[in-house]
Protein backbone atom coordinates (compact mmCIF):
# COMPACT_ATOMS: atom_id res chain seq x y z
CA MET A 1 -1.98 89.91 -33.47
CA PRO A 2 -4.21 88.96 -30.54
CA ALA A 3 -4.54 85.35 -29.47
CA VAL A 4 -7.53 83.70 -31.13
CA GLN A 5 -9.21 80.58 -29.80
CA ARG A 6 -9.66 77.77 -32.26
CA SER A 7 -11.39 74.44 -31.80
CA GLY A 8 -13.02 71.61 -33.71
CA GLU A 9 -12.43 71.16 -37.43
CA ASP A 10 -10.73 74.53 -37.99
CA ALA A 11 -8.14 73.79 -35.35
CA ALA A 12 -7.66 70.26 -36.65
CA ARG A 13 -6.85 71.52 -40.13
CA GLU A 14 -4.51 74.24 -38.92
CA PHE A 15 -2.63 72.22 -36.34
CA ASN A 16 -2.74 68.84 -38.09
CA CYS A 17 -4.12 67.10 -35.04
CA THR A 18 -6.22 63.97 -35.34
CA GLU A 19 -10.00 64.00 -34.95
CA ALA A 20 -9.77 62.08 -31.68
CA CYS A 21 -7.18 64.47 -30.30
CA HIS A 22 -9.57 67.38 -30.83
CA ARG A 23 -12.54 65.53 -29.47
CA ASP A 24 -10.70 64.96 -26.20
CA SER A 25 -8.67 68.18 -25.99
CA ILE A 26 -9.80 71.59 -27.17
CA SER A 27 -9.23 75.31 -26.68
CA ILE A 28 -5.90 75.53 -28.46
CA MET A 29 -4.36 78.97 -28.76
CA THR A 30 -2.15 80.22 -31.57
CA GLY A 31 1.09 78.52 -32.41
CA ILE A 32 0.88 74.93 -31.19
CA ARG A 33 0.59 71.72 -33.16
CA VAL A 34 -0.71 68.96 -30.88
CA THR A 35 0.31 65.46 -31.91
CA SER A 36 -0.88 63.25 -29.04
CA HIS A 37 -3.24 63.08 -26.10
CA ALA A 38 -0.30 63.03 -23.70
CA GLU A 39 1.06 66.21 -25.25
CA MET A 40 -2.29 67.93 -24.81
CA LEU A 41 -2.37 66.87 -21.16
CA TYR A 42 1.15 68.25 -20.81
CA MET A 43 0.32 71.58 -22.44
CA SER A 44 -2.85 72.06 -20.40
CA THR A 45 -0.79 72.24 -17.18
CA ILE A 46 0.73 75.50 -15.98
CA ARG A 47 3.03 76.56 -13.14
CA VAL A 48 1.62 78.28 -10.07
CA LEU A 49 4.07 80.24 -7.94
CA THR A 50 2.72 81.40 -4.57
CA GLU A 51 3.96 83.79 -1.92
CA ARG A 52 2.86 83.52 1.70
CA VAL A 53 3.27 85.99 4.54
CA GLY A 54 6.30 85.03 6.60
CA ALA A 55 7.62 82.52 4.08
CA THR A 56 11.28 82.85 3.16
CA ARG A 57 10.76 81.84 -0.47
CA PRO A 58 7.92 81.25 -2.95
CA GLU A 59 6.31 77.82 -3.26
CA SER A 60 5.39 76.08 -6.49
CA GLY A 61 2.40 74.03 -7.53
CA ALA A 62 0.48 73.15 -10.65
CA ALA A 63 -2.86 73.99 -12.21
CA PHE A 64 -4.53 72.84 -15.41
CA VAL A 65 -7.22 74.03 -17.81
CA VAL A 66 -10.55 72.30 -18.47
CA SER A 67 -13.53 73.31 -20.60
CA ASP A 68 -17.27 72.73 -20.47
CA GLU A 69 -19.68 71.84 -23.26
CA GLY A 70 -19.82 75.47 -24.37
CA ASN A 71 -16.00 75.73 -24.51
CA GLU A 72 -15.88 77.97 -21.44
CA ARG A 73 -12.58 77.31 -19.73
CA PHE A 74 -11.67 76.93 -16.06
CA LEU A 75 -8.50 76.55 -14.04
CA VAL A 76 -8.21 73.66 -11.61
CA THR A 77 -5.72 73.17 -8.79
CA ALA A 78 -5.48 71.81 -5.27
CA ARG A 79 -7.03 74.01 -2.61
CA HIS A 80 -3.97 73.96 -0.36
CA VAL A 81 -1.81 75.33 -3.18
CA VAL A 82 -3.69 78.65 -3.37
CA SER A 83 -5.49 78.99 -0.04
CA GLY A 84 -4.19 81.75 2.22
CA VAL A 85 -1.53 83.08 -0.15
CA ALA A 86 -0.53 86.74 -0.28
CA ARG A 87 -0.01 86.61 -4.04
CA LEU A 88 0.31 84.04 -6.79
CA THR A 89 1.61 84.06 -10.35
CA LEU A 90 0.39 81.86 -13.21
CA HIS A 91 2.85 81.08 -16.01
CA LEU A 92 1.41 80.60 -19.52
CA TYR A 93 3.26 79.36 -22.58
CA THR A 94 4.28 81.41 -25.60
CA GLY A 95 5.90 80.72 -28.96
CA ASP A 96 5.21 79.81 -32.55
CA SER A 97 5.35 76.02 -32.03
CA VAL A 98 6.32 73.43 -29.45
CA HIS A 99 9.86 73.68 -30.86
CA THR A 100 10.12 77.44 -30.33
CA ILE A 101 8.46 77.99 -26.96
CA GLY A 102 9.49 81.30 -25.45
CA ALA A 103 9.50 82.89 -22.03
CA PRO A 104 6.17 82.48 -20.23
CA LEU A 105 3.60 85.20 -19.80
CA ARG A 106 2.81 85.91 -16.16
CA TYR A 107 -0.60 86.60 -14.70
CA GLU A 108 -0.65 87.79 -11.09
CA VAL A 109 -3.49 87.32 -8.61
CA GLY A 110 -3.56 89.15 -5.29
CA GLY A 111 -4.42 87.33 -2.12
CA ASP A 112 -7.38 89.63 -1.51
CA GLU A 113 -8.98 88.91 -4.88
CA GLN A 114 -11.98 86.59 -5.08
CA PHE A 115 -10.34 84.61 -7.86
CA TRP A 116 -10.63 81.03 -6.60
CA VAL A 117 -13.70 79.11 -5.56
CA TYR A 118 -13.21 76.13 -3.27
CA HIS A 119 -15.18 72.92 -3.13
CA ALA A 120 -18.14 73.23 -0.76
CA ASP A 121 -16.66 70.50 1.44
CA SER A 122 -13.64 72.10 3.10
CA ASP A 123 -11.98 68.68 3.37
CA VAL A 124 -11.96 68.28 -0.43
CA ASP A 125 -8.68 69.67 -1.73
CA VAL A 126 -10.01 71.25 -4.94
CA ALA A 127 -10.06 74.88 -6.12
CA VAL A 128 -11.30 76.28 -9.45
CA ALA A 129 -11.36 79.64 -11.23
CA ARG A 130 -12.54 81.09 -14.53
CA PHE A 131 -9.86 81.13 -17.22
CA GLU A 132 -11.46 83.64 -19.57
CA PRO A 133 -10.40 86.79 -17.61
CA ILE A 134 -6.79 85.70 -18.11
CA ALA A 135 -7.27 85.17 -21.85
CA ASP A 136 -9.13 88.48 -22.16
CA LEU A 137 -6.29 90.41 -20.51
CA PHE A 138 -3.63 89.05 -22.82
CA GLU A 139 -5.85 89.58 -25.85
CA ARG A 140 -6.34 93.23 -24.91
CA ASN A 141 -2.56 93.54 -24.59
CA ASN A 142 -2.00 91.83 -27.96
CA GLU A 143 0.04 89.11 -26.28
CA ASP A 144 -0.18 85.62 -27.75
CA PHE A 145 -0.16 82.51 -25.61
CA PHE A 146 -1.41 78.95 -25.89
CA ALA A 147 -3.03 76.50 -23.51
CA GLY A 148 -4.62 73.13 -23.94
CA ALA A 149 -7.88 72.28 -22.19
CA LEU A 150 -9.39 68.97 -21.15
CA PRO A 151 -13.13 68.83 -21.86
CA PHE A 152 -15.73 67.71 -19.36
CA SER A 153 -16.46 64.77 -21.66
CA SER A 154 -13.05 63.33 -20.78
CA PHE A 155 -13.75 63.28 -17.01
CA GLN A 156 -13.99 59.91 -15.29
CA PRO A 157 -17.63 59.74 -14.07
CA LYS A 158 -18.62 59.12 -10.49
CA PHE A 159 -18.85 55.41 -9.79
CA GLN A 160 -22.38 54.03 -9.78
CA PRO A 161 -22.73 50.86 -7.64
CA GLY A 162 -24.11 47.89 -9.53
CA ARG A 163 -23.23 49.24 -12.96
CA GLU A 164 -19.50 48.63 -13.21
CA SER A 165 -16.89 46.28 -11.80
CA PHE A 166 -13.17 46.89 -11.51
CA THR A 167 -12.67 43.17 -12.28
CA ASP A 168 -14.25 43.52 -15.73
CA LYS A 169 -11.37 43.32 -18.19
CA PHE A 170 -13.22 45.60 -20.61
CA TRP A 171 -13.56 48.36 -18.02
CA ARG A 172 -10.65 50.77 -17.87
CA PRO A 173 -8.77 52.05 -16.06
CA LEU A 174 -8.10 49.38 -13.43
CA PRO A 175 -5.81 49.18 -10.42
CA LEU A 176 -2.19 48.85 -11.59
CA ASP A 177 -3.01 50.57 -14.88
CA GLU A 178 -0.49 53.24 -15.79
CA VAL A 179 -1.45 56.89 -15.42
CA LEU A 180 0.27 60.16 -16.28
CA LEU A 181 0.93 63.00 -13.84
CA VAL A 182 2.04 66.50 -14.80
CA GLY A 183 3.61 68.95 -12.37
CA TYR A 184 6.64 70.72 -11.00
CA PRO A 185 8.21 68.40 -8.39
CA ASN A 186 10.35 70.58 -6.11
CA ASP A 187 9.71 73.32 -8.70
CA TYR A 188 11.89 71.47 -11.19
CA ARG A 189 11.07 72.57 -14.73
CA ASP A 190 12.53 73.91 -17.94
CA VAL A 191 13.40 77.34 -16.52
CA SER A 192 13.28 79.34 -19.74
CA THR A 193 9.78 78.15 -20.72
CA SER A 194 8.26 76.94 -17.41
CA LEU A 195 7.36 73.63 -19.06
CA PRO A 196 6.60 70.95 -16.45
CA LEU A 197 7.52 67.29 -16.03
CA LEU A 198 5.33 64.50 -17.38
CA ARG A 199 5.67 61.41 -15.19
CA ARG A 200 4.24 57.93 -14.86
CA GLY A 201 2.46 56.29 -11.97
CA ARG A 202 0.10 53.40 -11.33
CA ILE A 203 -3.38 53.36 -9.88
CA ALA A 204 -3.01 51.86 -6.41
CA THR A 205 -6.68 51.58 -5.36
CA PRO A 206 -9.92 50.84 -7.26
CA LEU A 207 -11.55 54.01 -8.57
CA TRP A 208 -14.87 53.02 -6.96
CA LEU A 209 -13.23 53.11 -3.51
CA ASP A 210 -13.23 56.35 -1.49
CA HIS A 211 -9.95 55.65 0.26
CA GLU A 212 -10.02 56.32 4.01
CA GLY A 213 -13.48 57.83 3.58
CA ARG A 214 -12.38 60.59 1.18
CA PRO A 215 -13.29 60.95 -2.52
CA VAL A 216 -9.72 60.09 -3.51
CA PHE A 217 -7.87 57.28 -5.20
CA LEU A 218 -4.21 56.47 -4.61
CA VAL A 219 -1.37 56.64 -7.10
CA ASP A 220 1.88 54.74 -6.75
CA SER A 221 4.43 57.29 -7.93
CA THR A 222 7.49 59.13 -6.66
CA ALA A 223 5.70 62.48 -6.71
CA ALA A 224 7.08 65.41 -4.74
CA HIS A 225 6.06 68.87 -3.54
CA GLY A 226 5.10 70.90 -6.60
CA THR A 227 3.03 68.13 -8.17
CA SER A 228 -0.01 69.21 -6.13
CA GLY A 229 -2.75 70.68 -8.30
CA GLY A 230 -1.69 68.89 -11.45
CA PRO A 231 -3.83 66.45 -13.47
CA VAL A 232 -3.80 62.68 -13.17
CA ALA A 233 -5.01 61.02 -16.37
CA TYR A 234 -5.32 57.69 -18.09
CA VAL A 235 -4.19 58.05 -21.69
CA GLU A 236 -4.69 55.69 -24.61
CA GLU A 237 -2.92 56.93 -27.70
CA GLU A 238 -3.90 56.30 -31.31
CA HIS A 239 -3.05 52.85 -32.64
CA HIS A 240 -0.57 52.70 -35.49
CA VAL A 241 -0.27 50.14 -38.25
CA GLY A 242 2.91 50.85 -40.13
CA ARG A 243 2.78 54.59 -40.75
CA THR A 244 -1.00 54.85 -40.62
CA MET A 245 -2.71 56.25 -37.55
CA HIS A 246 -6.20 54.91 -36.88
CA GLU A 247 -8.24 57.96 -35.94
CA GLY A 248 -10.68 57.62 -33.07
CA THR A 249 -8.83 54.76 -31.35
CA GLY A 250 -7.22 56.86 -28.62
CA LYS A 251 -8.63 58.82 -25.74
CA ILE A 252 -7.74 60.64 -22.56
CA THR A 253 -9.60 60.16 -19.28
CA LEU A 254 -9.10 62.74 -16.56
CA LEU A 255 -9.14 60.82 -13.29
CA GLY A 256 -8.57 63.68 -10.88
CA VAL A 257 -6.33 66.38 -9.42
CA PHE A 258 -3.24 65.39 -7.49
CA SER A 259 -3.38 66.47 -3.86
CA GLU A 260 -0.60 65.08 -1.71
CA VAL A 261 2.03 62.49 -1.07
CA LEU A 262 0.57 60.63 1.89
CA PRO A 263 2.36 61.06 5.23
CA LEU A 264 3.39 57.88 6.99
CA ARG A 265 0.37 58.08 9.26
CA ALA A 266 -3.14 59.45 8.77
CA PRO A 267 -3.96 62.65 10.69
CA GLY A 268 -4.62 61.92 14.34
CA VAL A 269 -3.18 58.40 14.22
CA ARG A 270 -0.33 57.70 16.63
CA ALA A 271 2.26 54.94 16.52
CA ALA A 272 0.82 53.62 19.80
CA ASP A 273 -2.55 53.06 18.11
CA GLY A 274 -1.16 50.00 16.34
CA VAL A 275 -2.21 51.20 12.88
CA PRO A 276 0.36 50.20 10.23
CA GLN A 277 2.36 52.94 8.60
CA ARG A 278 1.44 53.93 5.09
CA PRO A 279 3.91 52.84 2.41
CA PRO A 280 6.26 55.42 0.85
CA ASN A 281 5.78 56.93 -2.62
CA VAL A 282 1.99 56.81 -2.52
CA GLY A 283 -0.04 59.91 -3.36
CA ALA A 284 -3.72 60.83 -3.26
CA ALA A 285 -5.74 62.46 -6.04
CA TYR A 286 -9.24 63.86 -5.68
CA LYS A 287 -11.63 62.32 -8.16
CA ALA A 288 -12.67 64.17 -11.30
CA TYR A 289 -16.31 64.55 -10.29
CA THR A 290 -15.26 66.76 -7.33
CA ILE A 291 -13.85 69.20 -9.90
CA LEU A 292 -17.24 69.34 -11.63
CA GLU A 293 -18.92 69.96 -8.28
CA ALA A 294 -16.60 72.90 -7.58
CA ILE A 295 -17.14 74.37 -11.06
CA ALA A 296 -20.92 74.07 -10.61
CA ALA A 297 -20.58 76.08 -7.38
CA LEU A 298 -18.47 78.67 -9.23
CA LYS A 299 -21.11 79.04 -11.94
CA ARG A 300 -23.86 79.45 -9.33
CA ARG A 301 -21.91 82.11 -7.51
CA THR A 302 -21.17 84.18 -10.59
CA SER A 303 -24.71 83.89 -11.97
CA ALA A 304 -26.36 84.96 -8.70
């Protein structure tokens, strides 16, 4: 039976997910029952394995699925993960439920294919692609898979000066708030299913600040190679009273795409310059609105 996309009320009834969960996470494929916003974030992230000319072994990274107002889906990753590769393989999940996930389906992209579109600013480490050709291929082959998708409505908006303050206790998220990161640090994963790791971090800079002049915010987390391209999100789960879940009280906010663990010194800065070293275990994530800018460029290119 081919994979069939479900969303909204039909998906909620079939998968027993709360109304809020479906408002903030859609495009569920056959077989999965989503029970939390964190789980949807987790299941929207997939492994990217790349091969480069002259490299002795493949490199791993992450990508994740998002969807626009019309439920069209897109892949998001970090530009440096996919730029200049000879070939890459995407790993998508299979199985009848989260308890019976099987071996991943693989979708290969050649280095000469015009699959990815990069942000117009070459210094912005964001790449996007259409997801529907992948779904169409597996549907034609009668191969079921599932993937979560984070809707545009969950994206953290671009900061507007004069409208918000990071000192306002009612405005979230704030510096030191906990965030979730999903990825494959050092390609560590559940090998049989390609499921990633879900990890915690803390926002280390205000979201209104473009740190070091880039549209990034910093995350205090022990991230490693293989986390690049994965989502960084602020998640508020449903509130429980006893055994009752209060629908509509939780949400997920996509803050950005993880780019790098910062080197000890910024590019071009020498020890003799007297600039302090950066602290360890601090990473940079490009803000969510840069993803929307890249997707807008993708849509313009394909509609031309």
